Amino acid sequence: MKQGIHPEYRPVVFRDASAGSAFLTRSTRTSEKTVTWEDGREYPVIDVEVSSASHPFYTGTAKVLDTAGRVERFRRRYGSRSAAEGAGAADAPTSAASAEATAGGPR
């Protein structure tokens, strides 16, 4: 690695404001604010909006999305794929050679 071009990698406290939790990790982020950690040392502190302590996925409060409803809504909006394929099939050549090529060759 080239010397003098990389930011300092040091211990930093990330504090989740909404959950009231904090964790100590290493980062290159900087902050003017400091906090005294459980070991008695002072570390820079970065306040974050969301962490694993407050994110719905990790806390188990995530809402289940109705994916079947989304598919049906898409089909209603844009039509089914089979209708588009049916219109394209009328324009296709009907020779036996093209049918074999489309089907993946002779069986």
C-alpha atoms as a PDB file:
ATOM      1  CA  MET A   1       0.000   0.000   0.000  1.00  0.00           C
ATOM      2  CA  LYS A   2       1.101   3.537  -0.644  1.00  0.00           C
ATOM      3  CA  GLN A   3       1.954   5.394   2.527  1.00  0.00           C
ATOM      4  CA  GLY A   4       0.183   8.622   3.437  1.00  0.00           C
ATOM      5  CA  ILE A   5      -2.864   8.379   1.135  1.00  0.00           C
ATOM      6  CA  HIS A   6      -5.205   6.232   3.218  1.00  0.00           C
ATOM      7  CA  PRO A   7      -7.422   7.568   6.016  1.00  0.00           C
ATOM      8  CA  GLU A   8      -6.714   6.466   9.576  1.00  0.00           C
ATOM      9  CA  TYR A   9      -8.532   3.253  10.556  1.00  0.00           C
ATOM     10  CA  ARG A  10      -9.386   3.431  14.248  1.00  0.00           C
ATOM     11  CA  PRO A  11     -12.023   2.461  16.846  1.00  0.00           C
ATOM     12  CA  VAL A  12     -15.273   4.464  16.545  1.00  0.00           C
ATOM     13  CA  VAL A  13     -18.574   4.246  18.433  1.00  0.00           C
ATOM     14  CA  PHE A  14     -21.743   4.177  16.327  1.00  0.00           C
ATOM     15  CA  ARG A  15     -24.807   5.250  18.331  1.00  0.00           C
ATOM     16  CA  ASP A  16     -28.372   4.546  17.172  1.00  0.00           C
ATOM     17  CA  ALA A  17     -30.460   7.514  18.251  1.00  0.00           C
ATOM     18  CA  SER A  18     -33.827   5.786  17.827  1.00  0.00           C
ATOM     19  CA  ALA A  19     -32.991   2.579  19.740  1.00  0.00           C
ATOM     20  CA  GLY A  20     -30.664   4.045  22.339  1.00  0.00           C
ATOM     21  CA  SER A  21     -27.964   1.469  21.622  1.00  0.00           C
ATOM     22  CA  ALA A  22     -24.327   1.881  20.660  1.00  0.00           C
ATOM     23  CA  PHE A  23     -21.568  -0.386  19.415  1.00  0.00           C
ATOM     24  CA  LEU A  24     -17.818  -0.058  19.143  1.00  0.00           C
ATOM     25  CA  THR A  25     -16.196  -0.994  15.845  1.00  0.00           C
ATOM     26  CA  ARG A  26     -13.371   0.162  13.610  1.00  0.00           C
ATOM     27  CA  SER A  27     -13.904   2.727  10.866  1.00  0.00           C
ATOM     28  CA  THR A  28     -12.305   5.513   8.874  1.00  0.00           C
ATOM     29  CA  ARG A  29     -15.198   7.901   9.665  1.00  0.00           C
ATOM     30  CA  THR A  30     -14.330  10.943  11.730  1.00  0.00           C
ATOM     31  CA  SER A  31     -16.313  12.993  14.225  1.00  0.00           C
ATOM     32  CA  GLU A  32     -15.709  15.970  16.478  1.00  0.00           C
ATOM     33  CA  LYS A  33     -17.983  14.480  19.166  1.00  0.00           C
ATOM     34  CA  THR A  34     -16.564  11.905  21.579  1.00  0.00           C
ATOM     35  CA  VAL A  35     -18.044   9.521  24.111  1.00  0.00           C
ATOM     36  CA  THR A  36     -16.547   7.574  27.015  1.00  0.00           C
ATOM     37  CA  TRP A  37     -17.018   3.863  26.318  1.00  0.00           C
ATOM     38  CA  GLU A  38     -17.444   1.027  28.824  1.00  0.00           C
ATOM     39  CA  ASP A  39     -13.675   0.453  28.960  1.00  0.00           C
ATOM     40  CA  GLY A  40     -13.105   4.037  30.197  1.00  0.00           C
ATOM     41  CA  ARG A  41     -11.525   5.317  26.976  1.00  0.00           C
ATOM     42  CA  GLU A  42     -12.873   8.136  24.823  1.00  0.00           C
ATOM     43  CA  TYR A  43     -13.789   7.366  21.224  1.00  0.00           C
ATOM     44  CA  PRO A  44     -15.265   9.449  18.401  1.00  0.00           C
ATOM     45  CA  VAL A  45     -19.031   8.870  18.160  1.00  0.00           C
ATOM     46  CA  ILE A  46     -21.124   8.777  14.966  1.00  0.00           C
ATOM     47  CA  ASP A  47     -24.897   9.106  15.394  1.00  0.00           C
ATOM     48  CA  VAL A  48     -26.877   6.965  12.929  1.00  0.00           C
ATOM     49  CA  GLU A  49     -30.600   6.857  12.160  1.00  0.00           C
ATOM     50  CA  VAL A  50     -30.936   3.091  11.722  1.00  0.00           C
ATOM     51  CA  SER A  51     -28.868   0.144  12.928  1.00  0.00           C
ATOM     52  CA  SER A  52     -29.489  -3.525  13.551  1.00  0.00           C
ATOM     53  CA  ALA A  53     -31.026  -2.547  16.907  1.00  0.00           C
ATOM     54  CA  SER A  54     -33.818  -0.519  15.266  1.00  0.00           C
ATOM     55  CA  HIS A  55     -34.184  -1.880  11.714  1.00  0.00           C
ATOM     56  CA  PRO A  56     -37.498  -3.770  11.240  1.00  0.00           C
ATOM     57  CA  PHE A  57     -35.815  -6.724   9.531  1.00  0.00           C
ATOM     58  CA  TYR A  58     -33.491  -7.409  12.463  1.00  0.00           C
ATOM     59  CA  THR A  59     -36.002  -6.633  15.205  1.00  0.00           C
ATOM     60  CA  GLY A  60     -38.654  -8.953  13.753  1.00  0.00           C
ATOM     61  CA  THR A  61     -41.232  -6.233  13.153  1.00  0.00           C
ATOM     62  CA  ALA A  62     -40.940  -6.271   9.360  1.00  0.00           C
ATOM     63  CA  LYS A  63     -44.174  -6.255   7.396  1.00  0.00           C
ATOM     64  CA  VAL A  64     -44.745  -9.105   4.956  1.00  0.00           C
ATOM     65  CA  LEU A  65     -45.450  -7.817   1.458  1.00  0.00           C
ATOM     66  CA  ASP A  66     -48.258  -9.310  -0.577  1.00  0.00           C
ATOM     67  CA  THR A  67     -46.200 -10.411  -3.583  1.00  0.00           C
ATOM     68  CA  ALA A  68     -49.077 -12.325  -5.167  1.00  0.00           C
ATOM     69  CA  GLY A  69     -51.121  -9.133  -5.150  1.00  0.00           C
ATOM     70  CA  ARG A  70     -48.283  -7.283  -6.828  1.00  0.00           C
ATOM     71  CA  VAL A  71     -48.088  -9.866  -9.612  1.00  0.00           C
ATOM     72  CA  GLU A  72     -51.826  -9.698 -10.213  1.00  0.00           C
ATOM     73  CA  ARG A  73     -51.729  -5.903 -10.267  1.00  0.00           C
ATOM     74  CA  PHE A  74     -48.888  -6.028 -12.820  1.00  0.00           C
ATOM     75  CA  ARG A  75     -50.838  -8.444 -15.025  1.00  0.00           C
ATOM     76  CA  ARG A  76     -53.954  -6.250 -14.856  1.00  0.00           C
ATOM     77  CA  ARG A  77     -51.957  -3.170 -15.778  1.00  0.00           C
ATOM     78  CA  TYR A  78     -49.866  -4.575 -18.595  1.00  0.00           C
ATOM     79  CA  GLY A  79     -51.856  -7.624 -19.695  1.00  0.00           C
ATOM     80  CA  SER A  80     -50.758 -11.207 -19.724  1.00  0.00           C
ATOM     81  CA  ARG A  81     -47.744 -12.383 -21.671  1.00  0.00           C
ATOM     82  CA  SER A  82     -49.717 -15.118 -23.472  1.00  0.00           C
ATOM     83  CA  ALA A  83     -51.850 -12.537 -25.326  1.00  0.00           C
ATOM     84  CA  ALA A  84     -48.704 -10.898 -26.715  1.00  0.00           C
ATOM     85  CA  GLU A  85     -47.240 -14.271 -27.689  1.00  0.00           C
ATOM     86  CA  GLY A  86     -50.450 -15.256 -29.470  1.00  0.00           C
ATOM     87  CA  ALA A  87     -50.304 -12.160 -31.673  1.00  0.00           C
ATOM     88  CA  GLY A  88     -46.655 -12.828 -32.507  1.00  0.00           C
ATOM     89  CA  ALA A  89     -47.340 -16.469 -33.398  1.00  0.00           C
ATOM     90  CA  ALA A  90     -49.638 -15.479 -36.293  1.00  0.00           C
ATOM     91  CA  ASP A  91     -46.768 -13.617 -37.945  1.00  0.00           C
ATOM     92  CA  ALA A  92     -44.281 -16.492 -37.557  1.00  0.00           C
ATOM     93  CA  PRO A  93     -43.425 -18.783 -40.522  1.00  0.00           C
ATOM     94  CA  THR A  94     -45.038 -22.206 -40.372  1.00  0.00           C
ATOM     95  CA  SER A  95     -42.385 -24.298 -42.093  1.00  0.00           C
ATOM     96  CA  ALA A  96     -41.248 -27.549 -40.460  1.00  0.00           C
ATOM     97  CA  ALA A  97     -37.617 -26.376 -40.375  1.00  0.00           C
ATOM     98  CA  SER A  98     -38.438 -23.246 -38.394  1.00  0.00           C
ATOM     99  CA  ALA A  99     -40.632 -25.275 -36.035  1.00  0.00           C
ATOM    100  CA  GLU A 100     -37.730 -27.663 -35.343  1.00  0.00           C
ATOM    101  CA  ALA A 101     -35.336 -24.734 -34.805  1.00  0.00           C
ATOM    102  CA  THR A 102     -37.758 -23.123 -32.372  1.00  0.00           C
ATOM    103  CA  ALA A 103     -38.344 -26.369 -30.477  1.00  0.00           C
ATOM    104  CA  GLY A 104     -34.630 -27.027 -30.106  1.00  0.00           C
ATOM    105  CA  GLY A 105     -34.067 -29.393 -32.994  1.00  0.00           C
ATOM    106  CA  PRO A 106     -35.569 -32.752 -34.033  1.00  0.00           C
ATOM    107  CA  ARG A 107     -36.769 -35.025 -31.281  1.00  0.00           C
END
